[in-house]
Amino acid sequence: MSSPGWSQILKSVLASAFGVQSAKNRQQDFENSASVLPYLIVGVLFVTIFVVGLVFLVNWLVK
């Protein structure tokens, strides 16, 4: 059982965030990963960057 690399984790988090994660890939993520921590870290970072980006975009459009 080899653990997924950061690029695979990022790809998986982005796909699931936008609702296009396939059942096969999701199952593969759970089978190949010993810990959920990397997925949580990348997920929290993605959501934070996404929300901050939206705030800046709205502030820029309102001005």
PDB file of N, CA and C in Angstrom:
ATOM      1  N   MET A   1       0.851  -1.179   0.000  1.00  0.00           N
ATOM      2  CA  MET A   1       0.000   0.000   0.000  1.00  0.00           C
ATOM      3  C   MET A   1       0.891   1.235   0.000  1.00  0.00           C
ATOM      4  N   SER A   2       0.937   1.940  -1.118  1.00  0.00           N
ATOM      5  CA  SER A   2       1.724   3.159  -1.198  1.00  0.00           C
ATOM      6  C   SER A   2       0.815   4.359  -0.959  1.00  0.00           C
ATOM      7  N   SER A   3       1.338   5.320  -0.214  1.00  0.00           N
ATOM      8  CA  SER A   3       0.522   6.497   0.080  1.00  0.00           C
ATOM      9  C   SER A   3       0.544   7.439  -1.120  1.00  0.00           C
ATOM     10  N   PRO A   4      -0.567   8.147  -1.347  1.00  0.00           N
ATOM     11  CA  PRO A   4      -0.628   9.059  -2.492  1.00  0.00           C
ATOM     12  C   PRO A   4       0.257  10.273  -2.272  1.00  0.00           C
ATOM     13  N   GLY A   5       0.757  10.839  -3.371  1.00  0.00           N
ATOM     14  CA  GLY A   5       1.571  12.033  -3.291  1.00  0.00           C
ATOM     15  C   GLY A   5       0.705  13.274  -3.129  1.00  0.00           C
ATOM     16  N   TRP A   6       1.351  14.392  -2.882  1.00  0.00           N
ATOM     17  CA  TRP A   6       0.614  15.645  -2.664  1.00  0.00           C
ATOM     18  C   TRP A   6      -0.176  16.056  -3.900  1.00  0.00           C
ATOM     19  N   SER A   7       0.354  15.778  -5.085  1.00  0.00           N
ATOM     20  CA  SER A   7      -0.386  16.142  -6.295  1.00  0.00           C
ATOM     21  C   SER A   7      -1.666  15.329  -6.421  1.00  0.00           C
ATOM     22  N   GLN A   8      -1.603  14.048  -6.057  1.00  0.00           N
ATOM     23  CA  GLN A   8      -2.799  13.206  -6.096  1.00  0.00           C
ATOM     24  C   GLN A   8      -3.816  13.660  -5.044  1.00  0.00           C
ATOM     25  N   ILE A   9      -3.339  14.046  -3.875  1.00  0.00           N
ATOM     26  CA  ILE A   9      -4.232  14.533  -2.818  1.00  0.00           C
ATOM     27  C   ILE A   9      -4.897  15.822  -3.261  1.00  0.00           C
ATOM     28  N   LEU A  10      -4.120  16.744  -3.836  1.00  0.00           N
ATOM     29  CA  LEU A  10      -4.678  18.013  -4.313  1.00  0.00           C
ATOM     30  C   LEU A  10      -5.713  17.766  -5.406  1.00  0.00           C
ATOM     31  N   LYS A  11      -5.401  16.888  -6.342  1.00  0.00           N
ATOM     32  CA  LYS A  11      -6.336  16.556  -7.416  1.00  0.00           C
ATOM     33  C   LYS A  11      -7.631  15.974  -6.857  1.00  0.00           C
ATOM     34  N   SER A  12      -7.505  15.116  -5.882  1.00  0.00           N
ATOM     35  CA  SER A  12      -8.671  14.488  -5.273  1.00  0.00           C
ATOM     36  C   SER A  12      -9.523  15.495  -4.513  1.00  0.00           C
ATOM     37  N   VAL A  13      -8.880  16.395  -3.768  1.00  0.00           N
ATOM     38  CA  VAL A  13      -9.609  17.415  -3.010  1.00  0.00           C
ATOM     39  C   VAL A  13     -10.320  18.380  -3.955  1.00  0.00           C
ATOM     40  N   LEU A  14      -9.656  18.810  -5.014  1.00  0.00           N
ATOM     41  CA  LEU A  14     -10.287  19.721  -5.974  1.00  0.00           C
ATOM     42  C   LEU A  14     -11.470  19.057  -6.670  1.00  0.00           C
ATOM     43  N   ALA A  15     -11.306  17.804  -7.057  1.00  0.00           N
ATOM     44  CA  ALA A  15     -12.399  17.091  -7.722  1.00  0.00           C
ATOM     45  C   ALA A  15     -13.595  16.936  -6.792  1.00  0.00           C
ATOM     46  N   SER A  16     -13.345  16.606  -5.552  1.00  0.00           N
ATOM     47  CA  SER A  16     -14.459  16.428  -4.615  1.00  0.00           C
ATOM     48  C   SER A  16     -15.086  17.766  -4.239  1.00  0.00           C
ATOM     49  N   ALA A  17     -14.298  18.828  -4.180  1.00  0.00           N
ATOM     50  CA  ALA A  17     -14.844  20.145  -3.843  1.00  0.00           C
ATOM     51  C   ALA A  17     -15.819  20.634  -4.910  1.00  0.00           C
ATOM     52  N   PHE A  18     -15.539  20.310  -6.157  1.00  0.00           N
ATOM     53  CA  PHE A  18     -16.415  20.737  -7.240  1.00  0.00           C
ATOM     54  C   PHE A  18     -17.448  19.683  -7.626  1.00  0.00           C
ATOM     55  N   GLY A  19     -17.464  18.571  -6.884  1.00  0.00           N
ATOM     56  CA  GLY A  19     -18.493  17.552  -7.083  1.00  0.00           C
ATOM     57  C   GLY A  19     -18.290  16.656  -8.277  1.00  0.00           C
ATOM     58  N   VAL A  20     -17.072  16.501  -8.742  1.00  0.00           N
ATOM     59  CA  VAL A  20     -16.824  15.658  -9.907  1.00  0.00           C
ATOM     60  C   VAL A  20     -15.926  14.467  -9.575  1.00  0.00           C
ATOM     61  N   GLN A  21     -15.791  14.149  -8.303  1.00  0.00           N
ATOM     62  CA  GLN A  21     -14.981  13.013  -7.882  1.00  0.00           C
ATOM     63  C   GLN A  21     -15.716  11.723  -8.218  1.00  0.00           C
ATOM     64  N   SER A  22     -15.061  10.830  -8.928  1.00  0.00           N
ATOM     65  CA  SER A  22     -15.699   9.563  -9.274  1.00  0.00           C
ATOM     66  C   SER A  22     -15.661   8.621  -8.069  1.00  0.00           C
ATOM     67  N   ALA A  23     -16.590   7.709  -8.046  1.00  0.00           N
ATOM     68  CA  ALA A  23     -16.646   6.731  -6.951  1.00  0.00           C
ATOM     69  C   ALA A  23     -15.383   5.870  -6.933  1.00  0.00           C
ATOM     70  N   LYS A  24     -14.862   5.568  -8.109  1.00  0.00           N
ATOM     71  CA  LYS A  24     -13.646   4.764  -8.207  1.00  0.00           C
ATOM     72  C   LYS A  24     -12.458   5.484  -7.571  1.00  0.00           C
ATOM     73  N   ASN A  25     -12.292   6.768  -7.886  1.00  0.00           N
ATOM     74  CA  ASN A  25     -11.188   7.537  -7.311  1.00  0.00           C
ATOM     75  C   ASN A  25     -11.359   7.741  -5.811  1.00  0.00           C
ATOM     76  N   ARG A  26     -12.577   7.956  -5.369  1.00  0.00           N
ATOM     77  CA  ARG A  26     -12.836   8.128  -3.936  1.00  0.00           C
ATOM     78  C   ARG A  26     -12.484   6.847  -3.192  1.00  0.00           C
ATOM     79  N   GLN A  27     -12.883   5.713  -3.731  1.00  0.00           N
ATOM     80  CA  GLN A  27     -12.568   4.432  -3.111  1.00  0.00           C
ATOM     81  C   GLN A  27     -11.057   4.215  -3.081  1.00  0.00           C
ATOM     82  N   GLN A  28     -10.393   4.591  -4.150  1.00  0.00           N
ATOM     83  CA  GLN A  28      -8.941   4.447  -4.224  1.00  0.00           C
ATOM     84  C   GLN A  28      -8.253   5.311  -3.171  1.00  0.00           C
ATOM     85  N   ASP A  29      -8.774   6.523  -2.940  1.00  0.00           N
ATOM     86  CA  ASP A  29      -8.204   7.407  -1.919  1.00  0.00           C
ATOM     87  C   ASP A  29      -8.270   6.764  -0.543  1.00  0.00           C
ATOM     88  N   PHE A  30      -9.387   6.152  -0.218  1.00  0.00           N
ATOM     89  CA  PHE A  30      -9.540   5.539   1.097  1.00  0.00           C
ATOM     90  C   PHE A  30      -8.720   4.268   1.243  1.00  0.00           C
ATOM     91  N   GLU A  31      -8.518   3.548   0.161  1.00  0.00           N
ATOM     92  CA  GLU A  31      -7.734   2.316   0.228  1.00  0.00           C
ATOM     93  C   GLU A  31      -6.238   2.587   0.302  1.00  0.00           C
ATOM     94  N   ASN A  32      -5.763   3.618  -0.380  1.00  0.00           N
ATOM     95  CA  ASN A  32      -4.322   3.874  -0.471  1.00  0.00           C
ATOM     96  C   ASN A  32      -3.771   4.756   0.630  1.00  0.00           C
ATOM     97  N   SER A  33      -4.607   5.439   1.362  1.00  0.00           N
ATOM     98  CA  SER A  33      -4.121   6.382   2.357  1.00  0.00           C
ATOM     99  C   SER A  33      -4.250   5.802   3.756  1.00  0.00           C
ATOM    100  N   ALA A  34      -3.182   5.924   4.523  1.00  0.00           N
ATOM    101  CA  ALA A  34      -3.197   5.436   5.897  1.00  0.00           C
ATOM    102  C   ALA A  34      -3.825   6.461   6.835  1.00  0.00           C
ATOM    103  N   SER A  35      -3.853   7.728   6.413  1.00  0.00           N
ATOM    104  CA  SER A  35      -4.367   8.792   7.269  1.00  0.00           C
ATOM    105  C   SER A  35      -5.196   9.774   6.460  1.00  0.00           C
ATOM    106  N   VAL A  36      -6.187  10.343   7.109  1.00  0.00           N
ATOM    107  CA  VAL A  36      -7.036  11.338   6.469  1.00  0.00           C
ATOM    108  C   VAL A  36      -6.455  12.746   6.645  1.00  0.00           C
ATOM    109  N   LEU A  37      -5.439  12.889   7.473  1.00  0.00           N
ATOM    110  CA  LEU A  37      -4.863  14.191   7.788  1.00  0.00           C
ATOM    111  C   LEU A  37      -4.400  14.987   6.560  1.00  0.00           C
ATOM    112  N   PRO A  38      -3.691  14.394   5.603  1.00  0.00           N
ATOM    113  CA  PRO A  38      -3.290  15.190   4.431  1.00  0.00           C
ATOM    114  C   PRO A  38      -4.483  15.732   3.644  1.00  0.00           C
ATOM    115  N   TYR A  39      -5.553  14.950   3.552  1.00  0.00           N
ATOM    116  CA  TYR A  39      -6.751  15.405   2.848  1.00  0.00           C
ATOM    117  C   TYR A  39      -7.412  16.552   3.600  1.00  0.00           C
ATOM    118  N   LEU A  40      -7.421  16.478   4.923  1.00  0.00           N
ATOM    119  CA  LEU A  40      -7.995  17.562   5.731  1.00  0.00           C
ATOM    120  C   LEU A  40      -7.184  18.850   5.595  1.00  0.00           C
ATOM    121  N   ILE A  41      -5.875  18.725   5.639  1.00  0.00           N
ATOM    122  CA  ILE A  41      -5.008  19.906   5.532  1.00  0.00           C
ATOM    123  C   ILE A  41      -5.206  20.585   4.181  1.00  0.00           C
ATOM    124  N   VAL A  42      -5.154  19.824   3.105  1.00  0.00           N
ATOM    125  CA  VAL A  42      -5.320  20.380   1.762  1.00  0.00           C
ATOM    126  C   VAL A  42      -6.733  20.937   1.593  1.00  0.00           C
ATOM    127  N   GLY A  43      -7.727  20.250   2.133  1.00  0.00           N
ATOM    128  CA  GLY A  43      -9.104  20.716   2.037  1.00  0.00           C
ATOM    129  C   GLY A  43      -9.328  22.037   2.753  1.00  0.00           C
ATOM    130  N   VAL A  44      -8.807  22.159   3.959  1.00  0.00           N
ATOM    131  CA  VAL A  44      -8.951  23.409   4.722  1.00  0.00           C
ATOM    132  C   VAL A  44      -8.213  24.541   4.020  1.00  0.00           C
ATOM    133  N   LEU A  45      -7.016  24.273   3.521  1.00  0.00           N
ATOM    134  CA  LEU A  45      -6.270  25.302   2.787  1.00  0.00           C
ATOM    135  C   LEU A  45      -7.026  25.742   1.532  1.00  0.00           C
ATOM    136  N   PHE A  46      -7.587  24.784   0.809  1.00  0.00           N
ATOM    137  CA  PHE A  46      -8.332  25.120  -0.408  1.00  0.00           C
ATOM    138  C   PHE A  46      -9.531  25.993  -0.087  1.00  0.00           C
ATOM    139  N   VAL A  47     -10.313  25.608   0.918  1.00  0.00           N
ATOM    140  CA  VAL A  47     -11.508  26.379   1.279  1.00  0.00           C
ATOM    141  C   VAL A  47     -11.112  27.778   1.737  1.00  0.00           C
ATOM    142  N   THR A  48     -10.053  27.888   2.515  1.00  0.00           N
ATOM    143  CA  THR A  48      -9.593  29.193   2.986  1.00  0.00           C
ATOM    144  C   THR A  48      -9.185  30.086   1.818  1.00  0.00           C
ATOM    145  N   ILE A  49      -8.386  29.554   0.913  1.00  0.00           N
ATOM    146  CA  ILE A  49      -7.948  30.329  -0.255  1.00  0.00           C
ATOM    147  C   ILE A  49      -9.140  30.693  -1.133  1.00  0.00           C
ATOM    148  N   PHE A  50     -10.082  29.778  -1.294  1.00  0.00           N
ATOM    149  CA  PHE A  50     -11.263  30.026  -2.112  1.00  0.00           C
ATOM    150  C   PHE A  50     -12.109  31.163  -1.524  1.00  0.00           C
ATOM    151  N   VAL A  51     -12.356  31.134  -0.228  1.00  0.00           N
ATOM    152  CA  VAL A  51     -13.177  32.162   0.421  1.00  0.00           C
ATOM    153  C   VAL A  51     -12.470  33.509   0.395  1.00  0.00           C
ATOM    154  N   VAL A  52     -11.180  33.535   0.700  1.00  0.00           N
ATOM    155  CA  VAL A  52     -10.427  34.794   0.660  1.00  0.00           C
ATOM    156  C   VAL A  52     -10.422  35.352  -0.765  1.00  0.00           C
ATOM    157  N   GLY A  53     -10.268  34.487  -1.751  1.00  0.00           N
ATOM    158  CA  GLY A  53     -10.309  34.928  -3.144  1.00  0.00           C
ATOM    159  C   GLY A  53     -11.661  35.524  -3.517  1.00  0.00           C
ATOM    160  N   LEU A  54     -12.743  34.902  -3.058  1.00  0.00           N
ATOM    161  CA  LEU A  54     -14.077  35.457  -3.315  1.00  0.00           C
ATOM    162  C   LEU A  54     -14.274  36.811  -2.642  1.00  0.00           C
ATOM    163  N   VAL A  55     -13.782  36.948  -1.421  1.00  0.00           N
ATOM    164  CA  VAL A  55     -13.892  38.231  -0.718  1.00  0.00           C
ATOM    165  C   VAL A  55     -13.153  39.317  -1.487  1.00  0.00           C
ATOM    166  N   PHE A  56     -11.939  39.035  -1.924  1.00  0.00           N
ATOM    167  CA  PHE A  56     -11.175  40.030  -2.704  1.00  0.00           C
ATOM    168  C   PHE A  56     -11.855  40.336  -4.025  1.00  0.00           C
ATOM    169  N   LEU A  57     -12.413  39.349  -4.683  1.00  0.00           N
ATOM    170  CA  LEU A  57     -13.092  39.556  -5.947  1.00  0.00           C
ATOM    171  C   LEU A  57     -14.322  40.448  -5.775  1.00  0.00           C
ATOM    172  N   VAL A  58     -15.110  40.171  -4.754  1.00  0.00           N
ATOM    173  CA  VAL A  58     -16.313  40.982  -4.504  1.00  0.00           C
ATOM    174  C   VAL A  58     -15.923  42.402  -4.132  1.00  0.00           C
ATOM    175  N   ASN A  59     -14.924  42.565  -3.280  1.00  0.00           N
ATOM    176  CA  ASN A  59     -14.485  43.916  -2.917  1.00  0.00           C
ATOM    177  C   ASN A  59     -13.970  44.676  -4.123  1.00  0.00           C
ATOM    178  N   TRP A  60     -13.272  44.000  -5.019  1.00  0.00           N
ATOM    179  CA  TRP A  60     -12.757  44.642  -6.223  1.00  0.00           C
ATOM    180  C   TRP A  60     -13.903  45.034  -7.166  1.00  0.00           C
ATOM    181  N   LEU A  61     -14.903  44.181  -7.284  1.00  0.00           N
ATOM    182  CA  LEU A  61     -16.038  44.471  -8.170  1.00  0.00           C
ATOM    183  C   LEU A  61     -16.933  45.578  -7.622  1.00  0.00           C
ATOM    184  N   VAL A  62     -17.035  45.709  -6.322  1.00  0.00           N
ATOM    185  CA  VAL A  62     -17.892  46.715  -5.705  1.00  0.00           C
ATOM    186  C   VAL A  62     -17.282  48.098  -5.832  1.00  0.00           C
ATOM    187  N   LYS A  63     -15.982  48.216  -5.813  1.00  0.00           N
ATOM    188  CA  LYS A  63     -15.322  49.525  -5.883  1.00  0.00           C
ATOM    189  C   LYS A  63     -15.564  50.222  -7.183  1.00  0.00           C
TER     190      LYS A  63
END
